[in-house]
Amino acid sequence: MAVADTTRITLEDLMDNPAKYGLPSFQQFVKNPELLRGATDELFGQIDKGSQNIKDVREHKYYWMGHKMDSLERVQKAAWDSMGLGTSELAITPELERGTAGKYIIHVYVKPKSKIITGVT
């Protein structure tokens, strides 16, 4: 599917015919938000490959609910083992920190998307 020239796009044209620009309609997006956001697995993959997109990445650091983990796989395992949460149920927040010698550290914070209710009997 060829995508239309976007150099002269107007908001009205985009709203009237989003498929012309390779985008889903609002109704399609409501039914499946992953169309624009990308699957959570893809996001995990993008974060894990961050050193390919950003020059001079020294290391990645991963956190599950505030606890430091060795790898992204361990975060996913901890989420599943402790709460039965799959990747689609996780909120992922990467942060970039400038380290020493101009090298970067990517901190990846992972927590459940929905709030955890405790103390309910």
PDB file of N, CA and C in Angstrom:
ATOM      1  N   MET A   1       0.851  -1.181   0.000  1.00  0.00           N
ATOM      2  CA  MET A   1       0.000   0.000   0.000  1.00  0.00           C
ATOM      3  C   MET A   1       0.892   1.238   0.000  1.00  0.00           C
ATOM      4  N   ALA A   2       0.723   2.061  -0.994  1.00  0.00           N
ATOM      5  CA  ALA A   2       1.521   3.286  -1.099  1.00  0.00           C
ATOM      6  C   ALA A   2       0.959   4.340  -0.159  1.00  0.00           C
ATOM      7  N   VAL A   3       1.841   5.033   0.501  1.00  0.00           N
ATOM      8  CA  VAL A   3       1.432   6.093   1.416  1.00  0.00           C
ATOM      9  C   VAL A   3       1.480   7.415   0.670  1.00  0.00           C
ATOM     10  N   ALA A   4       0.466   8.243   0.866  1.00  0.00           N
ATOM     11  CA  ALA A   4       0.360   9.527   0.176  1.00  0.00           C
ATOM     12  C   ALA A   4       1.463  10.488   0.610  1.00  0.00           C
ATOM     13  N   ASP A   5       1.691  11.483  -0.222  1.00  0.00           N
ATOM     14  CA  ASP A   5       2.665  12.532   0.083  1.00  0.00           C
ATOM     15  C   ASP A   5       2.186  13.294   1.318  1.00  0.00           C
ATOM     16  N   THR A   6       3.038  13.385   2.316  1.00  0.00           N
ATOM     17  CA  THR A   6       2.651  14.038   3.572  1.00  0.00           C
ATOM     18  C   THR A   6       3.177  15.457   3.688  1.00  0.00           C
ATOM     19  N   THR A   7       3.762  16.003   2.636  1.00  0.00           N
ATOM     20  CA  THR A   7       4.316  17.356   2.733  1.00  0.00           C
ATOM     21  C   THR A   7       3.227  18.422   2.785  1.00  0.00           C
ATOM     22  N   ARG A   8       2.040  18.113   2.277  1.00  0.00           N
ATOM     23  CA  ARG A   8       0.946  19.094   2.293  1.00  0.00           C
ATOM     24  C   ARG A   8      -0.292  18.554   2.997  1.00  0.00           C
ATOM     25  N   ILE A   9      -0.082  17.762   3.992  1.00  0.00           N
ATOM     26  CA  ILE A   9      -1.193  17.149   4.710  1.00  0.00           C
ATOM     27  C   ILE A   9      -1.924  18.190   5.559  1.00  0.00           C
ATOM     28  N   THR A  10      -3.248  18.059   5.603  1.00  0.00           N
ATOM     29  CA  THR A  10      -4.055  18.904   6.487  1.00  0.00           C
ATOM     30  C   THR A  10      -4.734  18.002   7.505  1.00  0.00           C
ATOM     31  N   LEU A  11      -5.083  18.554   8.629  1.00  0.00           N
ATOM     32  CA  LEU A  11      -5.761  17.788   9.667  1.00  0.00           C
ATOM     33  C   LEU A  11      -7.094  17.245   9.160  1.00  0.00           C
ATOM     34  N   GLU A  12      -7.801  18.059   8.400  1.00  0.00           N
ATOM     35  CA  GLU A  12      -9.099  17.632   7.867  1.00  0.00           C
ATOM     36  C   GLU A  12      -8.935  16.426   6.955  1.00  0.00           C
ATOM     37  N   ASP A  13      -7.921  16.475   6.078  1.00  0.00           N
ATOM     38  CA  ASP A  13      -7.681  15.359   5.169  1.00  0.00           C
ATOM     39  C   ASP A  13      -7.294  14.101   5.941  1.00  0.00           C
ATOM     40  N   LEU A  14      -6.471  14.264   6.955  1.00  0.00           N
ATOM     41  CA  LEU A  14      -6.061  13.136   7.779  1.00  0.00           C
ATOM     42  C   LEU A  14      -7.252  12.511   8.495  1.00  0.00           C
ATOM     43  N   MET A  15      -8.133  13.348   9.039  1.00  0.00           N
ATOM     44  CA  MET A  15      -9.317  12.839   9.744  1.00  0.00           C
ATOM     45  C   MET A  15     -10.305  12.175   8.785  1.00  0.00           C
ATOM     46  N   ASP A  16     -10.434  12.730   7.576  1.00  0.00           N
ATOM     47  CA  ASP A  16     -11.375  12.176   6.599  1.00  0.00           C
ATOM     48  C   ASP A  16     -10.900  10.857   6.012  1.00  0.00           C
ATOM     49  N   ASN A  17      -9.599  10.706   5.833  1.00  0.00           N
ATOM     50  CA  ASN A  17      -9.088   9.514   5.172  1.00  0.00           C
ATOM     51  C   ASN A  17      -7.740   9.080   5.767  1.00  0.00           C
ATOM     52  N   PRO A  18      -7.742   8.546   6.994  1.00  0.00           N
ATOM     53  CA  PRO A  18      -6.478   8.159   7.621  1.00  0.00           C
ATOM     54  C   PRO A  18      -5.769   7.020   6.883  1.00  0.00           C
ATOM     55  N   ALA A  19      -6.527   6.132   6.230  1.00  0.00           N
ATOM     56  CA  ALA A  19      -5.917   5.010   5.512  1.00  0.00           C
ATOM     57  C   ALA A  19      -5.016   5.509   4.383  1.00  0.00           C
ATOM     58  N   LYS A  20      -5.332   6.656   3.819  1.00  0.00           N
ATOM     59  CA  LYS A  20      -4.527   7.255   2.752  1.00  0.00           C
ATOM     60  C   LYS A  20      -3.098   7.502   3.241  1.00  0.00           C
ATOM     61  N   TYR A  21      -2.928   7.731   4.542  1.00  0.00           N
ATOM     62  CA  TYR A  21      -1.627   8.015   5.126  1.00  0.00           C
ATOM     63  C   TYR A  21      -1.074   6.835   5.931  1.00  0.00           C
ATOM     64  N   GLY A  22      -1.670   5.667   5.732  1.00  0.00           N
ATOM     65  CA  GLY A  22      -1.181   4.474   6.404  1.00  0.00           C
ATOM     66  C   GLY A  22      -1.561   4.369   7.865  1.00  0.00           C
ATOM     67  N   LEU A  23      -2.627   5.073   8.277  1.00  0.00           N
ATOM     68  CA  LEU A  23      -3.073   5.067   9.668  1.00  0.00           C
ATOM     69  C   LEU A  23      -4.440   4.415   9.790  1.00  0.00           C
ATOM     70  N   PRO A  24      -4.752   3.862  10.962  1.00  0.00           N
ATOM     71  CA  PRO A  24      -6.084   3.288  11.172  1.00  0.00           C
ATOM     72  C   PRO A  24      -7.112   4.390  11.427  1.00  0.00           C
ATOM     73  N   SER A  25      -8.370   4.071  11.163  1.00  0.00           N
ATOM     74  CA  SER A  25      -9.439   5.006  11.519  1.00  0.00           C
ATOM     75  C   SER A  25      -9.577   5.026  13.037  1.00  0.00           C
ATOM     76  N   PHE A  26     -10.324   6.001  13.559  1.00  0.00           N
ATOM     77  CA  PHE A  26     -10.518   6.082  15.006  1.00  0.00           C
ATOM     78  C   PHE A  26     -11.198   4.818  15.517  1.00  0.00           C
ATOM     79  N   GLN A  27     -12.187   4.322  14.776  1.00  0.00           N
ATOM     80  CA  GLN A  27     -12.903   3.109  15.184  1.00  0.00           C
ATOM     81  C   GLN A  27     -11.961   1.902  15.211  1.00  0.00           C
ATOM     82  N   GLN A  28     -11.073   1.798  14.210  1.00  0.00           N
ATOM     83  CA  GLN A  28     -10.111   0.701  14.192  1.00  0.00           C
ATOM     84  C   GLN A  28      -9.151   0.810  15.378  1.00  0.00           C
ATOM     85  N   PHE A  29      -8.734   2.022  15.693  1.00  0.00           N
ATOM     86  CA  PHE A  29      -7.826   2.230  16.818  1.00  0.00           C
ATOM     87  C   PHE A  29      -8.498   1.865  18.138  1.00  0.00           C
ATOM     88  N   VAL A  30      -9.771   2.250  18.306  1.00  0.00           N
ATOM     89  CA  VAL A  30     -10.493   1.936  19.540  1.00  0.00           C
ATOM     90  C   VAL A  30     -10.581   0.422  19.723  1.00  0.00           C
ATOM     91  N   LYS A  31     -10.826  -0.311  18.637  1.00  0.00           N
ATOM     92  CA  LYS A  31     -10.923  -1.772  18.723  1.00  0.00           C
ATOM     93  C   LYS A  31      -9.571  -2.413  19.024  1.00  0.00           C
ATOM     94  N   ASN A  32      -8.495  -1.810  18.519  1.00  0.00           N
ATOM     95  CA  ASN A  32      -7.168  -2.391  18.693  1.00  0.00           C
ATOM     96  C   ASN A  32      -6.117  -1.286  18.816  1.00  0.00           C
ATOM     97  N   PRO A  33      -5.903  -0.725  20.014  1.00  0.00           N
ATOM     98  CA  PRO A  33      -4.945   0.364  20.202  1.00  0.00           C
ATOM     99  C   PRO A  33      -3.513  -0.010  19.847  1.00  0.00           C
ATOM    100  N   GLU A  34      -3.211  -1.307  19.831  1.00  0.00           N
ATOM    101  CA  GLU A  34      -1.845  -1.734  19.513  1.00  0.00           C
ATOM    102  C   GLU A  34      -1.462  -1.377  18.081  1.00  0.00           C
ATOM    103  N   LEU A  35      -2.450  -1.037  17.233  1.00  0.00           N
ATOM    104  CA  LEU A  35      -2.161  -0.662  15.845  1.00  0.00           C
ATOM    105  C   LEU A  35      -1.176   0.499  15.779  1.00  0.00           C
ATOM    106  N   LEU A  36      -1.313   1.472  16.668  1.00  0.00           N
ATOM    107  CA  LEU A  36      -0.405   2.622  16.673  1.00  0.00           C
ATOM    108  C   LEU A  36       0.690   2.496  17.709  1.00  0.00           C
ATOM    109  N   ARG A  37       0.379   1.920  18.831  1.00  0.00           N
ATOM    110  CA  ARG A  37       1.354   1.843  19.917  1.00  0.00           C
ATOM    111  C   ARG A  37       2.391   0.770  19.693  1.00  0.00           C
ATOM    112  N   GLY A  38       2.042  -0.265  18.989  1.00  0.00           N
ATOM    113  CA  GLY A  38       2.941  -1.405  18.850  1.00  0.00           C
ATOM    114  C   GLY A  38       2.723  -2.349  20.010  1.00  0.00           C
ATOM    115  N   ALA A  39       2.943  -3.588  19.785  1.00  0.00           N
ATOM    116  CA  ALA A  39       2.752  -4.589  20.836  1.00  0.00           C
ATOM    117  C   ALA A  39       3.779  -4.379  21.939  1.00  0.00           C
ATOM    118  N   THR A  40       3.427  -4.783  23.135  1.00  0.00           N
ATOM    119  CA  THR A  40       4.335  -4.629  24.274  1.00  0.00           C
ATOM    120  C   THR A  40       5.617  -5.407  24.042  1.00  0.00           C
ATOM    121  N   ASP A  41       5.517  -6.576  23.423  1.00  0.00           N
ATOM    122  CA  ASP A  41       6.723  -7.351  23.126  1.00  0.00           C
ATOM    123  C   ASP A  41       7.668  -6.552  22.237  1.00  0.00           C
ATOM    124  N   GLU A  42       7.106  -5.811  21.274  1.00  0.00           N
ATOM    125  CA  GLU A  42       7.935  -4.981  20.406  1.00  0.00           C
ATOM    126  C   GLU A  42       8.615  -3.880  21.212  1.00  0.00           C
ATOM    127  N   LEU A  43       7.884  -3.295  22.168  1.00  0.00           N
ATOM    128  CA  LEU A  43       8.465  -2.254  23.008  1.00  0.00           C
ATOM    129  C   LEU A  43       9.614  -2.806  23.836  1.00  0.00           C
ATOM    130  N   PHE A  44       9.423  -4.000  24.414  1.00  0.00           N
ATOM    131  CA  PHE A  44      10.504  -4.635  25.152  1.00  0.00           C
ATOM    132  C   PHE A  44      11.716  -4.833  24.240  1.00  0.00           C
ATOM    133  N   GLY A  45      11.472  -5.280  23.034  1.00  0.00           N
ATOM    134  CA  GLY A  45      12.561  -5.488  22.085  1.00  0.00           C
ATOM    135  C   GLY A  45      13.280  -4.202  21.735  1.00  0.00           C
ATOM    136  N   GLN A  46      12.519  -3.129  21.552  1.00  0.00           N
ATOM    137  CA  GLN A  46      13.120  -1.836  21.227  1.00  0.00           C
ATOM    138  C   GLN A  46      13.978  -1.328  22.379  1.00  0.00           C
ATOM    139  N   ILE A  47      13.492  -1.499  23.592  1.00  0.00           N
ATOM    140  CA  ILE A  47      14.257  -1.061  24.761  1.00  0.00           C
ATOM    141  C   ILE A  47      15.540  -1.871  24.872  1.00  0.00           C
ATOM    142  N   ASP A  48      15.424  -3.173  24.662  1.00  0.00           N
ATOM    143  CA  ASP A  48      16.586  -4.040  24.781  1.00  0.00           C
ATOM    144  C   ASP A  48      17.637  -3.727  23.712  1.00  0.00           C
ATOM    145  N   LYS A  49      17.205  -3.195  22.575  1.00  0.00           N
ATOM    146  CA  LYS A  49      18.130  -2.851  21.495  1.00  0.00           C
ATOM    147  C   LYS A  49      18.511  -1.374  21.523  1.00  0.00           C
ATOM    148  N   GLY A  50      18.271  -0.705  22.622  1.00  0.00           N
ATOM    149  CA  GLY A  50      18.517   0.730  22.719  1.00  0.00           C
ATOM    150  C   GLY A  50      19.922   1.141  22.348  1.00  0.00           C
ATOM    151  N   SER A  51      20.883   0.291  22.604  1.00  0.00           N
ATOM    152  CA  SER A  51      22.260   0.652  22.297  1.00  0.00           C
ATOM    153  C   SER A  51      22.493   0.746  20.795  1.00  0.00           C
ATOM    154  N   GLN A  52      21.632   0.148  19.994  1.00  0.00           N
ATOM    155  CA  GLN A  52      21.768   0.263  18.540  1.00  0.00           C
ATOM    156  C   GLN A  52      21.220   1.596  18.049  1.00  0.00           C
ATOM    157  N   ASN A  53      20.249   2.147  18.758  1.00  0.00           N
ATOM    158  CA  ASN A  53      19.615   3.399  18.347  1.00  0.00           C
ATOM    159  C   ASN A  53      20.298   4.627  18.935  1.00  0.00           C
ATOM    160  N   ILE A  54      20.927   4.472  20.067  1.00  0.00           N
ATOM    161  CA  ILE A  54      21.592   5.590  20.745  1.00  0.00           C
ATOM    162  C   ILE A  54      23.072   5.253  20.822  1.00  0.00           C
ATOM    163  N   LYS A  55      23.869   6.139  20.335  1.00  0.00           N
ATOM    164  CA  LYS A  55      25.321   5.913  20.373  1.00  0.00           C
ATOM    165  C   LYS A  55      25.821   6.001  21.817  1.00  0.00           C
ATOM    166  N   ASP A  56      26.856   5.268  22.090  1.00  0.00           N
ATOM    167  CA  ASP A  56      27.562   5.346  23.373  1.00  0.00           C
ATOM    168  C   ASP A  56      26.715   4.934  24.578  1.00  0.00           C
ATOM    169  N   VAL A  57      25.971   3.844  24.460  1.00  0.00           N
ATOM    170  CA  VAL A  57      25.254   3.307  25.617  1.00  0.00           C
ATOM    171  C   VAL A  57      26.202   2.390  26.375  1.00  0.00           C
ATOM    172  N   ARG A  58      26.406   2.713  27.652  1.00  0.00           N
ATOM    173  CA  ARG A  58      27.307   1.919  28.484  1.00  0.00           C
ATOM    174  C   ARG A  58      26.603   0.669  29.002  1.00  0.00           C
ATOM    175  N   GLU A  59      25.358   0.841  29.474  1.00  0.00           N
ATOM    176  CA  GLU A  59      24.644  -0.309  30.024  1.00  0.00           C
ATOM    177  C   GLU A  59      23.148  -0.028  30.139  1.00  0.00           C
ATOM    178  N   HIS A  60      22.407  -1.113  30.300  1.00  0.00           N
ATOM    179  CA  HIS A  60      20.980  -1.050  30.613  1.00  0.00           C
ATOM    180  C   HIS A  60      20.823  -1.500  32.062  1.00  0.00           C
ATOM    181  N   LYS A  61      19.923  -0.853  32.784  1.00  0.00           N
ATOM    182  CA  LYS A  61      19.582  -1.288  34.139  1.00  0.00           C
ATOM    183  C   LYS A  61      18.068  -1.487  34.169  1.00  0.00           C
ATOM    184  N   TYR A  62      17.642  -2.597  34.742  1.00  0.00           N
ATOM    185  CA  TYR A  62      16.235  -2.963  34.742  1.00  0.00           C
ATOM    186  C   TYR A  62      15.699  -3.009  36.166  1.00  0.00           C
ATOM    187  N   TYR A  63      14.443  -2.558  36.322  1.00  0.00           N
ATOM    188  CA  TYR A  63      13.814  -2.517  37.640  1.00  0.00           C
ATOM    189  C   TYR A  63      12.391  -3.058  37.545  1.00  0.00           C
ATOM    190  N   TRP A  64      12.054  -3.949  38.454  1.00  0.00           N
ATOM    191  CA  TRP A  64      10.685  -4.456  38.578  1.00  0.00           C
ATOM    192  C   TRP A  64      10.150  -3.984  39.924  1.00  0.00           C
ATOM    193  N   MET A  65       9.149  -3.116  39.879  1.00  0.00           N
ATOM    194  CA  MET A  65       8.518  -2.606  41.094  1.00  0.00           C
ATOM    195  C   MET A  65       9.565  -2.048  42.066  1.00  0.00           C
ATOM    196  N   GLY A  66      10.573  -1.364  41.545  1.00  0.00           N
ATOM    197  CA  GLY A  66      11.600  -0.749  42.369  1.00  0.00           C
ATOM    198  C   GLY A  66      12.791  -1.626  42.692  1.00  0.00           C
ATOM    199  N   HIS A  67      12.739  -2.918  42.334  1.00  0.00           N
ATOM    200  CA  HIS A  67      13.838  -3.844  42.611  1.00  0.00           C
ATOM    201  C   HIS A  67      14.697  -4.009  41.362  1.00  0.00           C
ATOM    202  N   LYS A  68      16.000  -3.842  41.527  1.00  0.00           N
ATOM    203  CA  LYS A  68      16.918  -3.963  40.394  1.00  0.00           C
ATOM    204  C   LYS A  68      17.003  -5.421  39.945  1.00  0.00           C
ATOM    205  N   MET A  69      16.962  -5.631  38.633  1.00  0.00           N
ATOM    206  CA  MET A  69      17.054  -6.967  38.048  1.00  0.00           C
ATOM    207  C   MET A  69      18.247  -7.026  37.105  1.00  0.00           C
ATOM    208  N   ASP A  70      18.726  -8.240  36.830  1.00  0.00           N
ATOM    209  CA  ASP A  70      19.892  -8.430  35.966  1.00  0.00           C
ATOM    210  C   ASP A  70      19.592  -8.215  34.489  1.00  0.00           C
ATOM    211  N   SER A  71      18.373  -8.540  34.064  1.00  0.00           N
ATOM    212  CA  SER A  71      18.052  -8.484  32.641  1.00  0.00           C
ATOM    213  C   SER A  71      16.561  -8.244  32.448  1.00  0.00           C
ATOM    214  N   LEU A  72      16.216  -7.931  31.230  1.00  0.00           N
ATOM    215  CA  LEU A  72      14.814  -7.732  30.888  1.00  0.00           C
ATOM    216  C   LEU A  72      14.035  -9.045  31.014  1.00  0.00           C
ATOM    217  N   GLU A  73      14.672 -10.135  30.691  1.00  0.00           N
ATOM    218  CA  GLU A  73      14.032 -11.445  30.821  1.00  0.00           C
ATOM    219  C   GLU A  73      13.683 -11.741  32.275  1.00  0.00           C
ATOM    220  N   ARG A  74      14.579 -11.345  33.198  1.00  0.00           N
ATOM    221  CA  ARG A  74      14.298 -11.550  34.630  1.00  0.00           C
ATOM    222  C   ARG A  74      13.119 -10.701  35.095  1.00  0.00           C
ATOM    223  N   VAL A  75      13.007  -9.490  34.538  1.00  0.00           N
ATOM    224  CA  VAL A  75      11.861  -8.632  34.867  1.00  0.00           C
ATOM    225  C   VAL A  75      10.573  -9.316  34.416  1.00  0.00           C
ATOM    226  N   GLN A  76      10.568  -9.821  33.189  1.00  0.00           N
ATOM    227  CA  GLN A  76       9.381 -10.500  32.681  1.00  0.00           C
ATOM    228  C   GLN A  76       9.049 -11.729  33.524  1.00  0.00           C
ATOM    229  N   LYS A  77      10.067 -12.488  33.907  1.00  0.00           N
ATOM    230  CA  LYS A  77       9.844 -13.676  34.745  1.00  0.00           C
ATOM    231  C   LYS A  77       9.304 -13.281  36.114  1.00  0.00           C
ATOM    232  N   ALA A  78       9.877 -12.226  36.709  1.00  0.00           N
ATOM    233  CA  ALA A  78       9.414 -11.771  38.025  1.00  0.00           C
ATOM    234  C   ALA A  78       7.961 -11.305  37.952  1.00  0.00           C
ATOM    235  N   ALA A  79       7.601 -10.607  36.893  1.00  0.00           N
ATOM    236  CA  ALA A  79       6.215 -10.141  36.733  1.00  0.00           C
ATOM    237  C   ALA A  79       5.268 -11.327  36.634  1.00  0.00           C
ATOM    238  N   TRP A  80       5.682 -12.340  35.900  1.00  0.00           N
ATOM    239  CA  TRP A  80       4.828 -13.516  35.742  1.00  0.00           C
ATOM    240  C   TRP A  80       4.774 -14.323  37.040  1.00  0.00           C
ATOM    241  N   ASP A  81       5.939 -14.574  37.637  1.00  0.00           N
ATOM    242  CA  ASP A  81       5.993 -15.411  38.848  1.00  0.00           C
ATOM    243  C   ASP A  81       5.310 -14.760  40.040  1.00  0.00           C
ATOM    244  N   SER A  82       5.486 -13.452  40.221  1.00  0.00           N
ATOM    245  CA  SER A  82       4.937 -12.803  41.413  1.00  0.00           C
ATOM    246  C   SER A  82       3.478 -12.402  41.264  1.00  0.00           C
ATOM    247  N   MET A  83       3.045 -12.065  40.046  1.00  0.00           N
ATOM    248  CA  MET A  83       1.692 -11.551  39.887  1.00  0.00           C
ATOM    249  C   MET A  83       0.927 -12.168  38.726  1.00  0.00           C
ATOM    250  N   GLY A  84       1.552 -13.044  37.978  1.00  0.00           N
ATOM    251  CA  GLY A  84       0.891 -13.643  36.828  1.00  0.00           C
ATOM    252  C   GLY A  84       0.649 -12.661  35.692  1.00  0.00           C
ATOM    253  N   LEU A  85       1.507 -11.659  35.579  1.00  0.00           N
ATOM    254  CA  LEU A  85       1.328 -10.620  34.564  1.00  0.00           C
ATOM    255  C   LEU A  85       2.159 -10.910  33.329  1.00  0.00           C
ATOM    256  N   GLY A  86       1.515 -10.845  32.166  1.00  0.00           N
ATOM    257  CA  GLY A  86       2.220 -10.969  30.899  1.00  0.00           C
ATOM    258  C   GLY A  86       2.694  -9.608  30.439  1.00  0.00           C
ATOM    259  N   THR A  87       3.442  -9.577  29.358  1.00  0.00           N
ATOM    260  CA  THR A  87       4.025  -8.315  28.896  1.00  0.00           C
ATOM    261  C   THR A  87       2.978  -7.272  28.534  1.00  0.00           C
ATOM    262  N   SER A  88       1.809  -7.697  28.071  1.00  0.00           N
ATOM    263  CA  SER A  88       0.778  -6.720  27.696  1.00  0.00           C
ATOM    264  C   SER A  88       0.174  -6.017  28.914  1.00  0.00           C
ATOM    265  N   GLU A  89       0.420  -6.546  30.108  1.00  0.00           N
ATOM    266  CA  GLU A  89      -0.133  -5.966  31.329  1.00  0.00           C
ATOM    267  C   GLU A  89       0.901  -5.126  32.098  1.00  0.00           C
ATOM    268  N   LEU A  90       2.016  -4.828  31.442  1.00  0.00           N
ATOM    269  CA  LEU A  90       3.093  -4.099  32.099  1.00  0.00           C
ATOM    270  C   LEU A  90       3.262  -2.703  31.524  1.00  0.00           C
ATOM    271  N   ALA A  91       3.519  -1.753  32.393  1.00  0.00           N
ATOM    272  CA  ALA A  91       3.851  -0.386  31.980  1.00  0.00           C
ATOM    273  C   ALA A  91       5.372  -0.274  32.010  1.00  0.00           C
ATOM    274  N   ILE A  92       5.935   0.200  30.906  1.00  0.00           N
ATOM    275  CA  ILE A  92       7.377   0.255  30.756  1.00  0.00           C
ATOM    276  C   ILE A  92       7.796   1.707  30.582  1.00  0.00           C
ATOM    277  N   THR A  93       8.735   2.168  31.419  1.00  0.00           N
ATOM    278  CA  THR A  93       9.206   3.545  31.337  1.00  0.00           C
ATOM    279  C   THR A  93      10.723   3.553  31.244  1.00  0.00           C
ATOM    280  N   PRO A  94      11.255   3.766  30.037  1.00  0.00           N
ATOM    281  CA  PRO A  94      12.709   3.881  29.923  1.00  0.00           C
ATOM    282  C   PRO A  94      13.157   5.310  30.212  1.00  0.00           C
ATOM    283  N   GLU A  95      14.276   5.448  30.878  1.00  0.00           N
ATOM    284  CA  GLU A  95      14.862   6.767  31.148  1.00  0.00           C
ATOM    285  C   GLU A  95      16.334   6.717  30.777  1.00  0.00           C
ATOM    286  N   LEU A  96      16.812   7.803  30.215  1.00  0.00           N
ATOM    287  CA  LEU A  96      18.197   7.900  29.774  1.00  0.00           C
ATOM    288  C   LEU A  96      18.991   8.752  30.752  1.00  0.00           C
ATOM    289  N   GLU A  97      20.132   8.253  31.189  1.00  0.00           N
ATOM    290  CA  GLU A  97      20.997   8.991  32.105  1.00  0.00           C
ATOM    291  C   GLU A  97      22.377   9.138  31.461  1.00  0.00           C
ATOM    292  N   ARG A  98      22.898  10.350  31.480  1.00  0.00           N
ATOM    293  CA  ARG A  98      24.256  10.549  30.965  1.00  0.00           C
ATOM    294  C   ARG A  98      25.224  10.115  32.060  1.00  0.00           C
ATOM    295  N   GLY A  99      26.020   9.116  31.732  1.00  0.00           N
ATOM    296  CA  GLY A  99      26.991   8.609  32.683  1.00  0.00           C
ATOM    297  C   GLY A  99      28.337   9.289  32.495  1.00  0.00           C
ATOM    298  N   THR A 100      29.383   8.635  32.935  1.00  0.00           N
ATOM    299  CA  THR A 100      30.727   9.194  32.816  1.00  0.00           C
ATOM    300  C   THR A 100      31.254   9.009  31.394  1.00  0.00           C
ATOM    301  N   ALA A 101      32.176   9.858  31.022  1.00  0.00           N
ATOM    302  CA  ALA A 101      32.860   9.811  29.721  1.00  0.00           C
ATOM    303  C   ALA A 101      31.878   9.883  28.548  1.00  0.00           C
ATOM    304  N   GLY A 102      30.735  10.555  28.745  1.00  0.00           N
ATOM    305  CA  GLY A 102      29.779  10.715  27.666  1.00  0.00           C
ATOM    306  C   GLY A 102      28.987   9.468  27.319  1.00  0.00           C
ATOM    307  N   LYS A 103      29.128   8.438  28.112  1.00  0.00           N
ATOM    308  CA  LYS A 103      28.370   7.198  27.892  1.00  0.00           C
ATOM    309  C   LYS A 103      27.021   7.299  28.595  1.00  0.00           C
ATOM    310  N   TYR A 104      26.026   6.617  28.049  1.00  0.00           N
ATOM    311  CA  TYR A 104      24.680   6.671  28.596  1.00  0.00           C
ATOM    312  C   TYR A 104      24.319   5.378  29.314  1.00  0.00           C
ATOM    313  N   ILE A 105      23.437   5.511  30.289  1.00  0.00           N
ATOM    314  CA  ILE A 105      22.847   4.375  30.993  1.00  0.00           C
ATOM    315  C   ILE A 105      21.347   4.449  30.745  1.00  0.00           C
ATOM    316  N   ILE A 106      20.778   3.354  30.278  1.00  0.00           N
ATOM    317  CA  ILE A 106      19.338   3.300  30.070  1.00  0.00           C
ATOM    318  C   ILE A 106      18.725   2.566  31.257  1.00  0.00           C
ATOM    319  N   HIS A 107      17.885   3.280  32.013  1.00  0.00           N
ATOM    320  CA  HIS A 107      17.153   2.689  33.134  1.00  0.00           C
ATOM    321  C   HIS A 107      15.762   2.324  32.617  1.00  0.00           C
ATOM    322  N   VAL A 108      15.367   1.076  32.818  1.00  0.00           N
ATOM    323  CA  VAL A 108      14.067   0.606  32.354  1.00  0.00           C
ATOM    324  C   VAL A 108      13.246   0.212  33.575  1.00  0.00           C
ATOM    325  N   TYR A 109      12.206   1.008  33.860  1.00  0.00           N
ATOM    326  CA  TYR A 109      11.335   0.765  35.007  1.00  0.00           C
ATOM    327  C   TYR A 109      10.071   0.060  34.528  1.00  0.00           C
ATOM    328  N   VAL A 110       9.753  -1.059  35.156  1.00  0.00           N
ATOM    329  CA  VAL A 110       8.590  -1.856  34.766  1.00  0.00           C
ATOM    330  C   VAL A 110       7.706  -2.040  35.984  1.00  0.00           C
ATOM    331  N   LYS A 111       6.399  -1.848  35.787  1.00  0.00           N
ATOM    332  CA  LYS A 111       5.425  -2.055  36.859  1.00  0.00           C
ATOM    333  C   LYS A 111       4.104  -2.457  36.217  1.00  0.00           C
ATOM    334  N   PRO A 112       3.156  -2.941  37.003  1.00  0.00           N
ATOM    335  CA  PRO A 112       1.845  -3.293  36.436  1.00  0.00           C
ATOM    336  C   PRO A 112       1.146  -2.056  35.890  1.00  0.00           C
ATOM    337  N   LYS A 113       0.385  -2.226  34.799  1.00  0.00           N
ATOM    338  CA  LYS A 113      -0.369  -1.107  34.233  1.00  0.00           C
ATOM    339  C   LYS A 113      -1.451  -0.625  35.184  1.00  0.00           C
ATOM    340  N   SER A 114      -2.137  -1.564  35.818  1.00  0.00           N
ATOM    341  CA  SER A 114      -3.215  -1.177  36.719  1.00  0.00           C
ATOM    342  C   SER A 114      -2.697  -1.139  38.155  1.00  0.00           C
ATOM    343  N   LYS A 115      -3.390  -0.367  38.967  1.00  0.00           N
ATOM    344  CA  LYS A 115      -2.978  -0.252  40.369  1.00  0.00           C
ATOM    345  C   LYS A 115      -3.237  -1.556  41.108  1.00  0.00           C
ATOM    346  N   ILE A 116      -2.353  -1.846  42.031  1.00  0.00           N
ATOM    347  CA  ILE A 116      -2.484  -3.046  42.850  1.00  0.00           C
ATOM    348  C   ILE A 116      -3.229  -2.665  44.105  1.00  0.00           C
ATOM    349  N   ILE A 117      -4.280  -3.396  44.412  1.00  0.00           N
ATOM    350  CA  ILE A 117      -5.080  -3.125  45.608  1.00  0.00           C
ATOM    351  C   ILE A 117      -4.637  -4.109  46.686  1.00  0.00           C
ATOM    352  N   THR A 118      -4.196  -3.574  47.806  1.00  0.00           N
ATOM    353  CA  THR A 118      -3.758  -4.425  48.900  1.00  0.00           C
ATOM    354  C   THR A 118      -4.624  -4.174  50.121  1.00  0.00           C
ATOM    355  N   GLY A 119      -4.641  -5.117  51.009  1.00  0.00           N
ATOM    356  CA  GLY A 119      -5.359  -4.957  52.262  1.00  0.00           C
ATOM    357  C   GLY A 119      -6.862  -5.146  52.142  1.00  0.00           C
ATOM    358  N   VAL A 120      -7.332  -5.664  51.014  1.00  0.00           N
ATOM    359  CA  VAL A 120      -8.759  -5.890  50.830  1.00  0.00           C
ATOM    360  C   VAL A 120      -9.084  -7.277  51.341  1.00  0.00           C
ATOM    361  N   THR A 121     -10.082  -7.382  52.202  1.00  0.00           N
ATOM    362  CA  THR A 121     -10.457  -8.697  52.737  1.00  0.00           C
ATOM    363  C   THR A 121     -11.832  -9.088  52.276  1.00  0.00           C
TER     364      THR A 121
END
